[in-house]
Amino acid sequence: MKNYLPVLAVLAGLGSSISCKHSVPPTPKPAHEPSKQVDTSVQTESAVNTDDPFVRYLDDQKKNKFEPSLKRFAEECGFDIASVKPGYAVSAGGGWNPVKNLATGLQNLESDFYSVAVVWHKRDQVIVEIWANSDDVGSEVRVYRCFSNGKLLRAEAIDWNLPMEQPNDSTWGYARRWNTDKNGSMQRTQAQFVDGMERPIPKPKMDADDKKSLNWIPSLEPLSEMKLPPELLQ
């Protein structure tokens, strides 16, 4: 089950969901503790191989590694992210708070619902990576966006569903891409189901709320609509 909180979605610039999912009381926190409670200084090798995309992402951050999908996305946008120092911000629903690194920023949050923004800015080009997570319901959403002169050129989103009620189930996600067409409009170019490692999989078993959530799309608006902290765009 998932719960797309309107405040979280708006703040993260994610867009909106067709359904608000949470028909059962919150379950005990899963084995993958909320990222704000993860001690990134003592993560073991097992964390690297986990089926939890965000835990794996934090491990890459600790090692100063780029996600393969991020590197590909940036290259498709003609952006060398390795040549730019990114800016970071976190939020628990009350506005973006710029931080020097994500590990410290997340540890200071006191919420199971939180967002992370990472921004690479070079001249008129901007790459933005957003994570919006709801740990109590096993929802992790990651969105990439590429802007030129403030205009959105392409975007990618994966909405992951981590097992909560059935621990033996596998993580699955719904991945989509959008590109600018010849008329300057954003058009969806790909949609597929993926596992926790972003590998294509057959359509998973879904309940009615899961099926409705497939209609959700991220915000495909200009950069100015994301309301990011100005210091991340300098």
C-alpha atoms as a PDB file:
ATOM      1  CA  MET A   1       0.000   0.000   0.000  1.00  0.00           C
ATOM      2  CA  LYS A   2       1.077   3.561  -0.669  1.00  0.00           C
ATOM      3  CA  ASN A   3       0.039   6.966   0.527  1.00  0.00           C
ATOM      4  CA  TYR A   4       0.739   9.902  -1.786  1.00  0.00           C
ATOM      5  CA  LEU A   5       0.553  12.902   0.507  1.00  0.00           C
ATOM      6  CA  PRO A   6      -0.526  16.063  -1.351  1.00  0.00           C
ATOM      7  CA  VAL A   7       1.936  18.249   0.580  1.00  0.00           C
ATOM      8  CA  LEU A   8       4.831  15.929  -0.202  1.00  0.00           C
ATOM      9  CA  ALA A   9       3.925  15.680  -3.868  1.00  0.00           C
ATOM     10  CA  VAL A  10       3.574  19.440  -4.347  1.00  0.00           C
ATOM     11  CA  LEU A  11       6.774  20.223  -2.455  1.00  0.00           C
ATOM     12  CA  ALA A  12       8.771  17.677  -4.407  1.00  0.00           C
ATOM     13  CA  GLY A  13       7.468  18.983  -7.709  1.00  0.00           C
ATOM     14  CA  LEU A  14       6.280  15.472  -8.417  1.00  0.00           C
ATOM     15  CA  GLY A  15       2.792  16.121  -9.651  1.00  0.00           C
ATOM     16  CA  SER A  16      -0.309  14.445  -8.275  1.00  0.00           C
ATOM     17  CA  SER A  17      -1.711  10.976  -7.850  1.00  0.00           C
ATOM     18  CA  ILE A  18      -5.115   9.824  -8.971  1.00  0.00           C
ATOM     19  CA  SER A  19      -5.683   8.052  -5.656  1.00  0.00           C
ATOM     20  CA  CYS A  20      -4.706   8.578  -2.033  1.00  0.00           C
ATOM     21  CA  LYS A  21      -3.789   5.113  -0.866  1.00  0.00           C
ATOM     22  CA  HIS A  22      -3.808   3.990   2.739  1.00  0.00           C
ATOM     23  CA  SER A  23      -6.736   1.750   3.565  1.00  0.00           C
ATOM     24  CA  VAL A  24      -4.989  -0.007   6.465  1.00  0.00           C
ATOM     25  CA  PRO A  25      -3.335   1.414   9.603  1.00  0.00           C
ATOM     26  CA  PRO A  26       0.393   2.107   9.334  1.00  0.00           C
ATOM     27  CA  THR A  27       2.397  -1.085   9.688  1.00  0.00           C
ATOM     28  CA  PRO A  28       5.598  -1.414  11.715  1.00  0.00           C
ATOM     29  CA  LYS A  29       8.594  -0.013   9.905  1.00  0.00           C
ATOM     30  CA  PRO A  30      10.216  -2.528   7.556  1.00  0.00           C
ATOM     31  CA  ALA A  31      13.750  -3.841   7.690  1.00  0.00           C
ATOM     32  CA  HIS A  32      14.868  -0.891   5.563  1.00  0.00           C
ATOM     33  CA  GLU A  33      14.634   1.805   8.225  1.00  0.00           C
ATOM     34  CA  PRO A  34      13.779   5.353   7.089  1.00  0.00           C
ATOM     35  CA  SER A  35      16.780   6.943   5.504  1.00  0.00           C
ATOM     36  CA  LYS A  36      17.014   9.579   8.213  1.00  0.00           C
ATOM     37  CA  GLN A  37      17.769   6.759  10.651  1.00  0.00           C
ATOM     38  CA  VAL A  38      20.264   4.953   8.446  1.00  0.00           C
ATOM     39  CA  ASP A  39      23.808   5.310   9.766  1.00  0.00           C
ATOM     40  CA  THR A  40      25.572   5.659   6.436  1.00  0.00           C
ATOM     41  CA  SER A  41      28.951   5.421   8.143  1.00  0.00           C
ATOM     42  CA  VAL A  42      28.400   1.787   9.104  1.00  0.00           C
ATOM     43  CA  GLN A  43      26.460   0.385   6.153  1.00  0.00           C
ATOM     44  CA  THR A  44      27.612  -3.098   5.255  1.00  0.00           C
ATOM     45  CA  GLU A  45      28.062  -4.699   1.862  1.00  0.00           C
ATOM     46  CA  SER A  46      24.610  -6.250   2.237  1.00  0.00           C
ATOM     47  CA  ALA A  47      23.111  -2.755   2.056  1.00  0.00           C
ATOM     48  CA  VAL A  48      24.600  -2.315  -1.389  1.00  0.00           C
ATOM     49  CA  ASN A  49      22.790  -5.397  -2.637  1.00  0.00           C
ATOM     50  CA  THR A  50      19.456  -4.604  -1.011  1.00  0.00           C
ATOM     51  CA  ASP A  51      16.241  -4.409  -2.990  1.00  0.00           C
ATOM     52  CA  ASP A  52      15.609  -0.948  -1.514  1.00  0.00           C
ATOM     53  CA  PRO A  53      16.493   1.655  -4.198  1.00  0.00           C
ATOM     54  CA  PHE A  54      16.909   4.555  -1.771  1.00  0.00           C
ATOM     55  CA  VAL A  55      19.226   2.669   0.591  1.00  0.00           C
ATOM     56  CA  ARG A  56      21.338   1.740  -2.424  1.00  0.00           C
ATOM     57  CA  TYR A  57      21.268   5.375  -3.556  1.00  0.00           C
ATOM     58  CA  LEU A  58      22.518   6.592  -0.162  1.00  0.00           C
ATOM     59  CA  ASP A  59      25.335   4.068  -0.297  1.00  0.00           C
ATOM     60  CA  ASP A  60      26.358   5.435  -3.711  1.00  0.00           C
ATOM     61  CA  GLN A  61      26.271   8.941  -2.264  1.00  0.00           C
ATOM     62  CA  LYS A  62      28.629   7.890   0.517  1.00  0.00           C
ATOM     63  CA  LYS A  63      31.044   6.532  -2.094  1.00  0.00           C
ATOM     64  CA  ASN A  64      30.655   9.569  -4.400  1.00  0.00           C
ATOM     65  CA  LYS A  65      29.253   7.321  -7.113  1.00  0.00           C
ATOM     66  CA  PHE A  66      26.623   8.199  -9.712  1.00  0.00           C
ATOM     67  CA  GLU A  67      23.674   5.942 -10.376  1.00  0.00           C
ATOM     68  CA  PRO A  68      24.072   4.348 -13.844  1.00  0.00           C
ATOM     69  CA  SER A  69      20.627   5.625 -14.803  1.00  0.00           C
ATOM     70  CA  LEU A  70      21.553   9.168 -13.756  1.00  0.00           C
ATOM     71  CA  LYS A  71      24.753   9.078 -15.803  1.00  0.00           C
ATOM     72  CA  ARG A  72      22.814   7.883 -18.848  1.00  0.00           C
ATOM     73  CA  PHE A  73      20.092  10.497 -18.373  1.00  0.00           C
ATOM     74  CA  ALA A  74      22.615  13.327 -18.024  1.00  0.00           C
ATOM     75  CA  GLU A  75      24.550  12.152 -21.096  1.00  0.00           C
ATOM     76  CA  GLU A  76      21.337  12.114 -23.120  1.00  0.00           C
ATOM     77  CA  CYS A  77      20.844  15.723 -22.033  1.00  0.00           C
ATOM     78  CA  GLY A  78      24.410  16.608 -23.071  1.00  0.00           C
ATOM     79  CA  PHE A  79      25.355  17.376 -19.456  1.00  0.00           C
ATOM     80  CA  ASP A  80      28.617  16.290 -17.807  1.00  0.00           C
ATOM     81  CA  ILE A  81      27.524  15.998 -14.169  1.00  0.00           C
ATOM     82  CA  ALA A  82      31.004  14.871 -13.118  1.00  0.00           C
ATOM     83  CA  SER A  83      32.262  18.387 -13.888  1.00  0.00           C
ATOM     84  CA  VAL A  84      29.766  20.132 -11.594  1.00  0.00           C
ATOM     85  CA  LYS A  85      29.443  20.083  -7.810  1.00  0.00           C
ATOM     86  CA  PRO A  86      25.774  19.432  -6.964  1.00  0.00           C
ATOM     87  CA  GLY A  87      23.642  21.249  -4.452  1.00  0.00           C
ATOM     88  CA  TYR A  88      21.432  19.400  -1.957  1.00  0.00           C
ATOM     89  CA  ALA A  89      18.178  20.086  -0.135  1.00  0.00           C
ATOM     90  CA  VAL A  90      15.830  18.037   2.040  1.00  0.00           C
ATOM     91  CA  SER A  91      12.288  18.508   3.216  1.00  0.00           C
ATOM     92  CA  ALA A  92       9.757  16.934   5.525  1.00  0.00           C
ATOM     93  CA  GLY A  93       6.852  18.974   4.155  1.00  0.00           C
ATOM     94  CA  GLY A  94       7.647  22.485   5.364  1.00  0.00           C
ATOM     95  CA  GLY A  95       9.764  23.811   2.504  1.00  0.00           C
ATOM     96  CA  TRP A  96      13.179  22.951   1.115  1.00  0.00           C
ATOM     97  CA  ASN A  97      16.150  23.128   3.479  1.00  0.00           C
ATOM     98  CA  PRO A  98      19.544  23.368   1.715  1.00  0.00           C
ATOM     99  CA  VAL A  99      22.153  21.038   3.241  1.00  0.00           C
ATOM    100  CA  LYS A 100      25.819  20.328   2.582  1.00  0.00           C
ATOM    101  CA  ASN A 101      25.263  16.567   2.323  1.00  0.00           C
ATOM    102  CA  LEU A 102      22.255  14.275   2.319  1.00  0.00           C
ATOM    103  CA  ALA A 103      23.313  11.984   5.176  1.00  0.00           C
ATOM    104  CA  THR A 104      23.447  14.852   7.663  1.00  0.00           C
ATOM    105  CA  GLY A 105      20.333  16.493   6.278  1.00  0.00           C
ATOM    106  CA  LEU A 106      18.250  13.329   6.499  1.00  0.00           C
ATOM    107  CA  GLN A 107      19.368  12.545  10.036  1.00  0.00           C
ATOM    108  CA  ASN A 108      17.913  15.858  11.169  1.00  0.00           C
ATOM    109  CA  LEU A 109      14.448  15.129   9.795  1.00  0.00           C
ATOM    110  CA  GLU A 110      11.767  13.808  12.137  1.00  0.00           C
ATOM    111  CA  SER A 111       9.310  12.358   9.650  1.00  0.00           C
ATOM    112  CA  ASP A 112       8.567   9.189   7.700  1.00  0.00           C
ATOM    113  CA  PHE A 113       7.571  11.422   4.775  1.00  0.00           C
ATOM    114  CA  TYR A 114      10.474  13.325   3.257  1.00  0.00           C
ATOM    115  CA  SER A 115      11.903  14.592  -0.007  1.00  0.00           C
ATOM    116  CA  VAL A 116      15.439  14.973  -1.327  1.00  0.00           C
ATOM    117  CA  ALA A 117      16.568  17.291  -4.118  1.00  0.00           C
ATOM    118  CA  VAL A 118      19.935  17.197  -5.880  1.00  0.00           C
ATOM    119  CA  VAL A 119      20.714  19.891  -8.455  1.00  0.00           C
ATOM    120  CA  TRP A 120      23.511  20.213 -11.024  1.00  0.00           C
ATOM    121  CA  HIS A 121      23.696  23.679 -12.609  1.00  0.00           C
ATOM    122  CA  LYS A 122      26.005  24.766 -15.429  1.00  0.00           C
ATOM    123  CA  ARG A 123      25.309  27.941 -17.366  1.00  0.00           C
ATOM    124  CA  ASP A 124      21.820  27.560 -18.858  1.00  0.00           C
ATOM    125  CA  GLN A 125      21.555  23.818 -18.165  1.00  0.00           C
ATOM    126  CA  VAL A 126      20.118  22.207 -15.031  1.00  0.00           C
ATOM    127  CA  ILE A 127      19.697  18.575 -14.005  1.00  0.00           C
ATOM    128  CA  VAL A 128      17.379  17.926 -11.051  1.00  0.00           C
ATOM    129  CA  GLU A 129      16.971  14.637  -9.189  1.00  0.00           C
ATOM    130  CA  ILE A 130      14.093  14.362  -6.720  1.00  0.00           C
ATOM    131  CA  TRP A 131      13.281  11.561  -4.295  1.00  0.00           C
ATOM    132  CA  ALA A 132       9.962  11.618  -2.418  1.00  0.00           C
ATOM    133  CA  ASN A 133       9.595   8.774   0.085  1.00  0.00           C
ATOM    134  CA  SER A 134       6.890   7.536   2.442  1.00  0.00           C
ATOM    135  CA  ASP A 135       8.632   4.969   4.624  1.00  0.00           C
ATOM    136  CA  ASP A 136       5.572   3.817   6.567  1.00  0.00           C
ATOM    137  CA  VAL A 137       3.891   2.557   3.394  1.00  0.00           C
ATOM    138  CA  GLY A 138       6.920   1.502   1.357  1.00  0.00           C
ATOM    139  CA  SER A 139       6.699   4.161  -1.346  1.00  0.00           C
ATOM    140  CA  GLU A 140       9.817   5.598  -3.026  1.00  0.00           C
ATOM    141  CA  VAL A 141       9.535   7.911  -6.020  1.00  0.00           C
ATOM    142  CA  ARG A 142      12.509   9.161  -8.031  1.00  0.00           C
ATOM    143  CA  VAL A 143      12.242  11.761 -10.783  1.00  0.00           C
ATOM    144  CA  TYR A 144      14.963  13.068 -13.102  1.00  0.00           C
ATOM    145  CA  ARG A 145      14.464  16.318 -15.020  1.00  0.00           C
ATOM    146  CA  CYS A 146      16.657  18.086 -17.571  1.00  0.00           C
ATOM    147  CA  PHE A 147      16.196  21.822 -18.214  1.00  0.00           C
ATOM    148  CA  SER A 148      17.677  24.264 -20.703  1.00  0.00           C
ATOM    149  CA  ASN A 149      17.061  27.982 -20.147  1.00  0.00           C
ATOM    150  CA  GLY A 150      14.438  26.970 -17.597  1.00  0.00           C
ATOM    151  CA  LYS A 151      12.488  24.835 -20.062  1.00  0.00           C
ATOM    152  CA  LEU A 152      11.968  21.138 -19.409  1.00  0.00           C
ATOM    153  CA  LEU A 153      13.504  18.989 -22.151  1.00  0.00           C
ATOM    154  CA  ARG A 154      13.064  15.482 -20.778  1.00  0.00           C
ATOM    155  CA  ALA A 155      12.054  13.663 -17.625  1.00  0.00           C
ATOM    156  CA  GLU A 156      12.096  10.180 -16.138  1.00  0.00           C
ATOM    157  CA  ALA A 157      10.189   8.829 -13.143  1.00  0.00           C
ATOM    158  CA  ILE A 158      10.072   5.552 -11.242  1.00  0.00           C
ATOM    159  CA  ASP A 159       7.407   4.931  -8.615  1.00  0.00           C
ATOM    160  CA  TRP A 160       8.659   2.021  -6.488  1.00  0.00           C
ATOM    161  CA  ASN A 161       6.454  -0.151  -4.288  1.00  0.00           C
ATOM    162  CA  LEU A 162       8.401  -1.894  -1.507  1.00  0.00           C
ATOM    163  CA  PRO A 163       6.809  -4.925   0.180  1.00  0.00           C
ATOM    164  CA  MET A 164       5.301  -4.130   3.576  1.00  0.00           C
ATOM    165  CA  GLU A 165       2.550  -6.606   4.415  1.00  0.00           C
ATOM    166  CA  GLN A 166       4.259  -9.561   2.670  1.00  0.00           C
ATOM    167  CA  PRO A 167       8.020  -9.333   3.372  1.00  0.00           C
ATOM    168  CA  ASN A 168       8.753 -12.143   0.918  1.00  0.00           C
ATOM    169  CA  ASP A 169       7.324 -10.158  -1.989  1.00  0.00           C
ATOM    170  CA  SER A 170       9.680  -8.304  -4.303  1.00  0.00           C
ATOM    171  CA  THR A 171      10.081  -4.597  -4.882  1.00  0.00           C
ATOM    172  CA  TRP A 172       8.582  -3.401  -8.151  1.00  0.00           C
ATOM    173  CA  GLY A 173       8.300  -0.039  -9.836  1.00  0.00           C
ATOM    174  CA  TYR A 174       6.599   1.679 -12.744  1.00  0.00           C
ATOM    175  CA  ALA A 175       9.094   3.576 -14.908  1.00  0.00           C
ATOM    176  CA  ARG A 176       8.288   6.178 -17.552  1.00  0.00           C
ATOM    177  CA  ARG A 177      10.088   8.687 -19.764  1.00  0.00           C
ATOM    178  CA  TRP A 178       9.015  11.921 -21.421  1.00  0.00           C
ATOM    179  CA  ASN A 179      10.771  13.878 -24.187  1.00  0.00           C
ATOM    180  CA  THR A 180      10.057  17.159 -25.936  1.00  0.00           C
ATOM    181  CA  ASP A 181       8.490  16.644 -29.363  1.00  0.00           C
ATOM    182  CA  LYS A 182       9.022  18.829 -32.423  1.00  0.00           C
ATOM    183  CA  ASN A 183       6.233  21.143 -31.275  1.00  0.00           C
ATOM    184  CA  GLY A 184       7.852  21.703 -27.894  1.00  0.00           C
ATOM    185  CA  SER A 185       5.345  19.583 -25.970  1.00  0.00           C
ATOM    186  CA  MET A 186       6.268  16.827 -23.536  1.00  0.00           C
ATOM    187  CA  GLN A 187       5.299  13.371 -24.781  1.00  0.00           C
ATOM    188  CA  ARG A 188       5.644  10.038 -23.026  1.00  0.00           C
ATOM    189  CA  THR A 189       8.075   7.831 -24.925  1.00  0.00           C
ATOM    190  CA  GLN A 190       8.375   4.772 -22.692  1.00  0.00           C
ATOM    191  CA  ALA A 191       6.573   2.957 -19.871  1.00  0.00           C
ATOM    192  CA  GLN A 192       7.543  -0.333 -18.249  1.00  0.00           C
ATOM    193  CA  PHE A 193       7.597  -2.221 -14.970  1.00  0.00           C
ATOM    194  CA  VAL A 194      10.974  -2.679 -13.279  1.00  0.00           C
ATOM    195  CA  ASP A 195      12.384  -4.359 -10.197  1.00  0.00           C
ATOM    196  CA  GLY A 196      14.342  -2.708  -7.393  1.00  0.00           C
ATOM    197  CA  MET A 197      17.464  -2.718  -9.580  1.00  0.00           C
ATOM    198  CA  GLU A 198      15.613  -1.032 -12.494  1.00  0.00           C
ATOM    199  CA  ARG A 199      15.569  -4.186 -14.609  1.00  0.00           C
ATOM    200  CA  PRO A 200      12.450  -4.734 -16.759  1.00  0.00           C
ATOM    201  CA  ILE A 201       9.960  -7.246 -15.331  1.00  0.00           C
ATOM    202  CA  PRO A 202       6.497  -8.543 -16.291  1.00  0.00           C
ATOM    203  CA  LYS A 203       3.487  -6.707 -14.917  1.00  0.00           C
ATOM    204  CA  PRO A 204       3.322  -7.504 -11.180  1.00  0.00           C
ATOM    205  CA  LYS A 205       0.279  -8.485  -9.168  1.00  0.00           C
ATOM    206  CA  MET A 206      -1.503  -5.283  -8.143  1.00  0.00           C
ATOM    207  CA  ASP A 207      -4.522  -4.330  -6.086  1.00  0.00           C
ATOM    208  CA  ALA A 208      -7.063  -1.735  -7.220  1.00  0.00           C
ATOM    209  CA  ASP A 209      -5.161   1.174  -5.649  1.00  0.00           C
ATOM    210  CA  ASP A 210      -1.912   0.092  -7.286  1.00  0.00           C
ATOM    211  CA  LYS A 211      -3.610   0.104 -10.678  1.00  0.00           C
ATOM    212  CA  LYS A 212      -5.035   3.584 -10.129  1.00  0.00           C
ATOM    213  CA  SER A 213      -1.625   4.883  -9.100  1.00  0.00           C
ATOM    214  CA  LEU A 214      -0.274   4.023 -12.564  1.00  0.00           C
ATOM    215  CA  ASN A 215      -2.121   7.104 -13.843  1.00  0.00           C
ATOM    216  CA  TRP A 216       0.063   9.406 -11.748  1.00  0.00           C
ATOM    217  CA  ILE A 217       2.490  11.634 -13.644  1.00  0.00           C
ATOM    218  CA  PRO A 218       5.188  13.951 -12.289  1.00  0.00           C
ATOM    219  CA  SER A 219       5.055  17.688 -12.813  1.00  0.00           C
ATOM    220  CA  LEU A 220       6.282  18.521 -16.314  1.00  0.00           C
ATOM    221  CA  GLU A 221       6.427  22.275 -15.769  1.00  0.00           C
ATOM    222  CA  PRO A 222       9.301  24.762 -16.244  1.00  0.00           C
ATOM    223  CA  LEU A 223      12.126  24.953 -13.715  1.00  0.00           C
ATOM    224  CA  SER A 224      10.619  28.027 -12.040  1.00  0.00           C
ATOM    225  CA  GLU A 225       7.625  25.963 -10.914  1.00  0.00           C
ATOM    226  CA  MET A 226       9.783  23.656  -8.808  1.00  0.00           C
ATOM    227  CA  LYS A 227      10.379  26.370  -6.182  1.00  0.00           C
ATOM    228  CA  LEU A 228      13.897  25.168  -5.454  1.00  0.00           C
ATOM    229  CA  PRO A 229      16.152  27.176  -3.110  1.00  0.00           C
ATOM    230  CA  PRO A 230      17.891  29.933  -5.118  1.00  0.00           C
ATOM    231  CA  GLU A 231      21.314  28.878  -3.836  1.00  0.00           C
ATOM    232  CA  LEU A 232      20.935  25.541  -5.625  1.00  0.00           C
ATOM    233  CA  LEU A 233      20.619  27.351  -8.961  1.00  0.00           C
ATOM    234  CA  GLN A 234      23.546  29.773  -8.635  1.00  0.00           C
END
